[in-house]
Amino acid sequence: MCWGGKVVGELAKSYDLKAIVMMHPSRVTVDDIKEIKVPISILGAELDKQSPPALLRQFEEVLSTKPEVDSFVKIFKGVDHGWTLRYDIGNKDAVKQAEKAHHYMLKWLSKYVKC
């Protein structure tokens, strides 16, 4: 999440991880994505100024040229950077969006990470 996306992105440039999920990543570049070697899911926010949808679409475009790397990119509408962690629990829509992102994250990781 956030700057942690940069960290897992760096680690995913090798085969040390089985899969990664970036939620509202920050400081991740197109060049970082070009070097990813493991399955990656990127969950972004429509209103994110740190990793705007245009950048996430560039990530998706790069990943589409790498058939050896399974990938999934989703942009959540109406949410801002940090929406999966910092939300008003009294706001039903905010809770629903965060829960939806958590579901995508768990589904992705359970697909690739077996105990």
N, C-alpha and C. Protein backbone atom coordinates (compact mmCIF):
# COMPACT_ATOMS: atom_id res chain seq x y z
N MET A 1 0.84 -1.18 0.00
CA MET A 1 0.00 0.00 0.00
C MET A 1 0.88 1.24 0.00
N CYS A 2 0.49 2.19 -0.75
CA CYS A 2 1.22 3.46 -0.89
C CYS A 2 2.69 3.20 -1.25
N TRP A 3 3.60 3.70 -0.42
CA TRP A 3 5.03 3.54 -0.72
C TRP A 3 5.47 2.09 -0.65
N GLY A 4 4.70 1.25 -0.01
CA GLY A 4 5.01 -0.18 0.01
C GLY A 4 4.94 -0.79 -1.38
N GLY A 5 4.16 -0.15 -2.27
CA GLY A 5 4.10 -0.60 -3.65
C GLY A 5 5.47 -0.52 -4.32
N LYS A 6 6.19 0.52 -4.00
CA LYS A 6 7.55 0.67 -4.55
C LYS A 6 8.44 -0.46 -4.04
N VAL A 7 8.30 -0.78 -2.76
CA VAL A 7 9.13 -1.83 -2.15
C VAL A 7 8.84 -3.18 -2.78
N VAL A 8 7.57 -3.58 -2.85
CA VAL A 8 7.28 -4.89 -3.44
C VAL A 8 7.59 -4.90 -4.93
N GLY A 9 7.47 -3.74 -5.57
CA GLY A 9 7.85 -3.66 -6.97
C GLY A 9 9.32 -3.95 -7.18
N GLU A 10 10.14 -3.42 -6.30
CA GLU A 10 11.58 -3.70 -6.36
C GLU A 10 11.84 -5.18 -6.12
N LEU A 11 11.17 -5.75 -5.14
CA LEU A 11 11.37 -7.17 -4.84
C LEU A 11 10.86 -8.07 -5.96
N ALA A 12 9.83 -7.60 -6.67
CA ALA A 12 9.23 -8.40 -7.74
C ALA A 12 10.05 -8.35 -9.04
N LYS A 13 11.17 -7.67 -9.00
CA LYS A 13 12.07 -7.66 -10.16
C LYS A 13 12.94 -8.92 -10.18
N SER A 14 12.78 -9.74 -9.14
CA SER A 14 13.43 -11.05 -9.08
C SER A 14 12.32 -12.07 -8.90
N TYR A 15 12.69 -13.30 -8.70
CA TYR A 15 11.69 -14.34 -8.49
C TYR A 15 11.58 -14.71 -7.01
N ASP A 16 11.96 -13.79 -6.12
CA ASP A 16 11.92 -14.08 -4.69
C ASP A 16 10.50 -14.10 -4.13
N LEU A 17 9.58 -13.43 -4.80
CA LEU A 17 8.18 -13.41 -4.37
C LEU A 17 7.35 -14.24 -5.35
N LYS A 18 6.21 -14.72 -4.86
CA LYS A 18 5.33 -15.49 -5.74
C LYS A 18 4.36 -14.61 -6.50
N ALA A 19 3.93 -13.52 -5.89
CA ALA A 19 2.98 -12.59 -6.50
C ALA A 19 2.95 -11.33 -5.64
N ILE A 20 2.48 -10.23 -6.24
CA ILE A 20 2.35 -9.00 -5.48
C ILE A 20 1.02 -8.30 -5.80
N VAL A 21 0.61 -7.47 -4.85
CA VAL A 21 -0.54 -6.59 -5.03
C VAL A 21 -0.10 -5.20 -4.61
N MET A 22 -0.37 -4.23 -5.47
CA MET A 22 -0.14 -2.83 -5.13
C MET A 22 -1.50 -2.16 -5.01
N MET A 23 -1.74 -1.55 -3.87
CA MET A 23 -2.98 -0.79 -3.67
C MET A 23 -2.61 0.66 -3.50
N HIS A 24 -3.22 1.51 -4.31
CA HIS A 24 -2.88 2.94 -4.38
C HIS A 24 -1.38 3.16 -4.22
N PRO A 25 -0.60 2.59 -5.19
CA PRO A 25 0.86 2.69 -5.09
C PRO A 25 1.34 4.13 -5.26
N SER A 26 2.49 4.40 -4.69
CA SER A 26 3.13 5.69 -4.93
C SER A 26 4.61 5.45 -5.21
N ARG A 27 5.17 6.36 -5.98
CA ARG A 27 6.59 6.33 -6.37
C ARG A 27 6.95 5.16 -7.29
N VAL A 28 5.96 4.47 -7.82
CA VAL A 28 6.22 3.39 -8.76
C VAL A 28 6.25 4.01 -10.16
N THR A 29 7.23 3.61 -10.95
CA THR A 29 7.39 4.17 -12.29
C THR A 29 7.10 3.12 -13.37
N VAL A 30 6.93 3.58 -14.58
CA VAL A 30 6.75 2.68 -15.71
C VAL A 30 7.98 1.78 -15.85
N ASP A 31 9.16 2.34 -15.63
CA ASP A 31 10.37 1.53 -15.70
C ASP A 31 10.37 0.42 -14.65
N ASP A 32 9.82 0.70 -13.47
CA ASP A 32 9.70 -0.36 -12.45
C ASP A 32 8.82 -1.49 -12.97
N ILE A 33 7.69 -1.13 -13.54
CA ILE A 33 6.74 -2.14 -14.02
C ILE A 33 7.36 -2.98 -15.13
N LYS A 34 8.17 -2.38 -15.96
CA LYS A 34 8.83 -3.12 -17.05
C LYS A 34 9.69 -4.26 -16.53
N GLU A 35 10.18 -4.15 -15.30
CA GLU A 35 11.08 -5.16 -14.75
C GLU A 35 10.39 -6.21 -13.87
N ILE A 36 9.09 -6.09 -13.67
CA ILE A 36 8.36 -7.03 -12.82
C ILE A 36 8.42 -8.42 -13.44
N LYS A 37 8.67 -9.42 -12.59
CA LYS A 37 8.80 -10.80 -13.07
C LYS A 37 7.74 -11.74 -12.50
N VAL A 38 6.96 -11.30 -11.54
CA VAL A 38 5.97 -12.18 -10.90
C VAL A 38 4.56 -11.62 -11.11
N PRO A 39 3.54 -12.45 -10.94
CA PRO A 39 2.17 -11.97 -11.10
C PRO A 39 1.91 -10.72 -10.24
N ILE A 40 1.24 -9.74 -10.85
CA ILE A 40 1.02 -8.46 -10.19
C ILE A 40 -0.42 -7.99 -10.38
N SER A 41 -0.99 -7.53 -9.30
CA SER A 41 -2.30 -6.89 -9.33
C SER A 41 -2.11 -5.46 -8.83
N ILE A 42 -2.67 -4.51 -9.57
CA ILE A 42 -2.58 -3.11 -9.18
C ILE A 42 -4.00 -2.57 -9.01
N LEU A 43 -4.31 -2.13 -7.80
CA LEU A 43 -5.62 -1.59 -7.47
C LEU A 43 -5.45 -0.10 -7.21
N GLY A 44 -5.98 0.71 -8.08
CA GLY A 44 -5.77 2.15 -7.99
C GLY A 44 -7.05 2.92 -7.75
N ALA A 45 -6.86 4.21 -7.52
CA ALA A 45 -7.97 5.12 -7.20
C ALA A 45 -8.17 6.13 -8.32
N GLU A 46 -9.40 6.33 -8.69
CA GLU A 46 -9.73 7.27 -9.75
C GLU A 46 -9.26 8.70 -9.44
N LEU A 47 -9.28 9.09 -8.17
CA LEU A 47 -8.95 10.46 -7.80
C LEU A 47 -7.55 10.60 -7.21
N ASP A 48 -6.72 9.62 -7.42
CA ASP A 48 -5.37 9.60 -6.86
C ASP A 48 -4.45 10.53 -7.64
N LYS A 49 -3.84 11.48 -6.97
CA LYS A 49 -2.91 12.39 -7.62
C LYS A 49 -1.48 11.84 -7.62
N GLN A 50 -1.19 10.89 -6.71
CA GLN A 50 0.16 10.31 -6.65
C GLN A 50 0.37 9.26 -7.73
N SER A 51 -0.63 8.45 -7.97
CA SER A 51 -0.61 7.47 -9.07
C SER A 51 -1.95 7.59 -9.80
N PRO A 52 -2.07 8.60 -10.64
CA PRO A 52 -3.34 8.84 -11.32
C PRO A 52 -3.69 7.73 -12.31
N PRO A 53 -4.96 7.65 -12.68
CA PRO A 53 -5.39 6.61 -13.62
C PRO A 53 -4.58 6.56 -14.91
N ALA A 54 -4.15 7.71 -15.42
CA ALA A 54 -3.35 7.70 -16.65
C ALA A 54 -2.05 6.91 -16.46
N LEU A 55 -1.42 7.04 -15.30
CA LEU A 55 -0.21 6.29 -15.02
C LEU A 55 -0.52 4.80 -14.87
N LEU A 56 -1.61 4.48 -14.20
CA LEU A 56 -1.99 3.08 -14.02
C LEU A 56 -2.30 2.43 -15.36
N ARG A 57 -2.88 3.19 -16.29
CA ARG A 57 -3.13 2.66 -17.63
C ARG A 57 -1.81 2.39 -18.36
N GLN A 58 -0.81 3.24 -18.10
CA GLN A 58 0.51 2.97 -18.68
C GLN A 58 1.08 1.68 -18.11
N PHE A 59 0.91 1.47 -16.80
CA PHE A 59 1.35 0.22 -16.19
C PHE A 59 0.67 -0.96 -16.88
N GLU A 60 -0.64 -0.84 -17.06
CA GLU A 60 -1.42 -1.91 -17.68
C GLU A 60 -0.94 -2.18 -19.11
N GLU A 61 -0.63 -1.12 -19.83
CA GLU A 61 -0.14 -1.26 -21.20
C GLU A 61 1.19 -2.01 -21.22
N VAL A 62 2.10 -1.64 -20.35
CA VAL A 62 3.39 -2.32 -20.27
C VAL A 62 3.18 -3.79 -19.92
N LEU A 63 2.34 -4.06 -18.94
CA LEU A 63 2.11 -5.44 -18.52
C LEU A 63 1.46 -6.27 -19.62
N SER A 64 0.66 -5.64 -20.47
CA SER A 64 0.02 -6.37 -21.56
C SER A 64 1.04 -6.87 -22.59
N THR A 65 2.23 -6.30 -22.58
CA THR A 65 3.28 -6.76 -23.49
C THR A 65 4.13 -7.87 -22.87
N LYS A 66 3.79 -8.26 -21.67
CA LYS A 66 4.55 -9.29 -20.95
C LYS A 66 3.64 -10.49 -20.67
N PRO A 67 3.39 -11.34 -21.66
CA PRO A 67 2.48 -12.47 -21.46
C PRO A 67 2.96 -13.46 -20.40
N GLU A 68 4.23 -13.44 -20.11
CA GLU A 68 4.77 -14.35 -19.09
C GLU A 68 4.45 -13.89 -17.66
N VAL A 69 3.93 -12.67 -17.52
CA VAL A 69 3.59 -12.12 -16.20
C VAL A 69 2.09 -11.90 -16.14
N ASP A 70 1.41 -12.71 -15.34
CA ASP A 70 -0.02 -12.51 -15.17
C ASP A 70 -0.24 -11.18 -14.45
N SER A 71 -1.23 -10.42 -14.91
CA SER A 71 -1.46 -9.12 -14.30
C SER A 71 -2.94 -8.76 -14.30
N PHE A 72 -3.28 -7.87 -13.39
CA PHE A 72 -4.65 -7.37 -13.26
C PHE A 72 -4.55 -5.94 -12.75
N VAL A 73 -5.19 -5.02 -13.45
CA VAL A 73 -5.22 -3.62 -13.05
C VAL A 73 -6.66 -3.18 -12.95
N LYS A 74 -7.02 -2.58 -11.83
CA LYS A 74 -8.39 -2.07 -11.63
C LYS A 74 -8.31 -0.69 -11.01
N ILE A 75 -9.10 0.22 -11.56
CA ILE A 75 -9.20 1.56 -11.02
C ILE A 75 -10.57 1.71 -10.39
N PHE A 76 -10.59 2.00 -9.09
CA PHE A 76 -11.83 2.13 -8.35
C PHE A 76 -12.36 3.55 -8.49
N LYS A 77 -13.59 3.66 -8.91
CA LYS A 77 -14.21 4.97 -9.16
C LYS A 77 -14.58 5.69 -7.86
N GLY A 78 -14.39 7.00 -7.89
CA GLY A 78 -14.84 7.86 -6.80
C GLY A 78 -14.02 7.81 -5.53
N VAL A 79 -12.86 7.17 -5.57
CA VAL A 79 -12.03 7.09 -4.36
C VAL A 79 -10.70 7.78 -4.58
N ASP A 80 -10.05 8.13 -3.49
CA ASP A 80 -8.80 8.87 -3.50
C ASP A 80 -7.68 7.99 -2.96
N HIS A 81 -6.47 8.49 -3.08
CA HIS A 81 -5.30 7.78 -2.58
C HIS A 81 -5.51 7.36 -1.12
N GLY A 82 -5.22 6.11 -0.83
CA GLY A 82 -5.33 5.61 0.54
C GLY A 82 -6.70 5.08 0.92
N TRP A 83 -7.60 4.97 -0.05
CA TRP A 83 -8.98 4.61 0.26
C TRP A 83 -9.14 3.24 0.90
N THR A 84 -8.18 2.36 0.77
CA THR A 84 -8.33 1.03 1.37
C THR A 84 -7.96 1.00 2.84
N LEU A 85 -7.34 2.08 3.31
CA LEU A 85 -6.90 2.15 4.71
C LEU A 85 -7.53 3.30 5.48
N ARG A 86 -7.64 4.43 4.83
CA ARG A 86 -8.11 5.64 5.50
C ARG A 86 -9.49 6.00 4.98
N TYR A 87 -10.48 5.52 5.65
CA TYR A 87 -11.85 5.83 5.24
C TYR A 87 -12.72 5.96 6.48
N ASP A 88 -13.81 6.65 6.30
CA ASP A 88 -14.77 6.88 7.38
C ASP A 88 -15.64 5.63 7.52
N ILE A 89 -15.54 4.94 8.64
CA ILE A 89 -16.31 3.70 8.81
C ILE A 89 -17.81 3.96 8.85
N GLY A 90 -18.19 5.22 9.02
CA GLY A 90 -19.60 5.59 8.98
C GLY A 90 -20.11 5.81 7.56
N ASN A 91 -19.22 5.84 6.61
CA ASN A 91 -19.58 6.05 5.20
C ASN A 91 -19.69 4.68 4.54
N LYS A 92 -20.93 4.25 4.31
CA LYS A 92 -21.15 2.90 3.77
C LYS A 92 -20.48 2.68 2.42
N ASP A 93 -20.47 3.71 1.56
CA ASP A 93 -19.85 3.55 0.25
C ASP A 93 -18.34 3.39 0.39
N ALA A 94 -17.73 4.17 1.27
CA ALA A 94 -16.28 4.08 1.49
C ALA A 94 -15.91 2.70 2.02
N VAL A 95 -16.69 2.20 2.95
CA VAL A 95 -16.44 0.87 3.51
C VAL A 95 -16.58 -0.19 2.41
N LYS A 96 -17.62 -0.05 1.59
CA LYS A 96 -17.86 -1.01 0.52
C LYS A 96 -16.69 -1.02 -0.48
N GLN A 97 -16.20 0.14 -0.85
CA GLN A 97 -15.08 0.22 -1.79
C GLN A 97 -13.82 -0.41 -1.20
N ALA A 98 -13.54 -0.13 0.07
CA ALA A 98 -12.36 -0.72 0.71
C ALA A 98 -12.50 -2.23 0.80
N GLU A 99 -13.67 -2.71 1.18
CA GLU A 99 -13.88 -4.15 1.29
C GLU A 99 -13.74 -4.83 -0.07
N LYS A 100 -14.22 -4.16 -1.12
CA LYS A 100 -14.10 -4.70 -2.47
C LYS A 100 -12.62 -4.84 -2.85
N ALA A 101 -11.83 -3.82 -2.54
CA ALA A 101 -10.40 -3.87 -2.84
C ALA A 101 -9.72 -4.98 -2.04
N HIS A 102 -10.09 -5.12 -0.78
CA HIS A 102 -9.50 -6.17 0.06
C HIS A 102 -9.84 -7.54 -0.52
N HIS A 103 -11.06 -7.69 -1.03
CA HIS A 103 -11.48 -8.95 -1.64
C HIS A 103 -10.60 -9.27 -2.86
N TYR A 104 -10.41 -8.27 -3.73
CA TYR A 104 -9.55 -8.47 -4.90
C TYR A 104 -8.14 -8.87 -4.48
N MET A 105 -7.61 -8.20 -3.46
CA MET A 105 -6.26 -8.50 -2.99
C MET A 105 -6.16 -9.94 -2.50
N LEU A 106 -7.08 -10.35 -1.65
CA LEU A 106 -7.04 -11.71 -1.10
C LEU A 106 -7.23 -12.76 -2.19
N LYS A 107 -8.12 -12.48 -3.13
CA LYS A 107 -8.35 -13.42 -4.23
C LYS A 107 -7.07 -13.59 -5.05
N TRP A 108 -6.39 -12.49 -5.35
CA TRP A 108 -5.16 -12.55 -6.14
C TRP A 108 -4.07 -13.34 -5.40
N LEU A 109 -3.86 -12.99 -4.16
CA LEU A 109 -2.79 -13.65 -3.40
C LEU A 109 -3.09 -15.13 -3.18
N SER A 110 -4.37 -15.47 -2.93
CA SER A 110 -4.69 -16.88 -2.71
C SER A 110 -4.52 -17.70 -4.00
N LYS A 111 -4.58 -17.04 -5.14
CA LYS A 111 -4.35 -17.71 -6.43
C LYS A 111 -2.89 -18.16 -6.57
N TYR A 112 -1.97 -17.40 -5.99
CA TYR A 112 -0.55 -17.65 -6.21
C TYR A 112 0.24 -18.07 -4.98
N VAL A 113 -0.23 -17.74 -3.82
CA VAL A 113 0.53 -18.02 -2.60
C VAL A 113 -0.17 -19.15 -1.85
N LYS A 114 0.43 -20.29 -1.83
CA LYS A 114 -0.13 -21.46 -1.15
C LYS A 114 0.71 -21.77 0.08
N CYS A 115 0.04 -22.09 1.16
CA CYS A 115 0.75 -22.44 2.41
C CYS A 115 1.10 -23.91 2.42
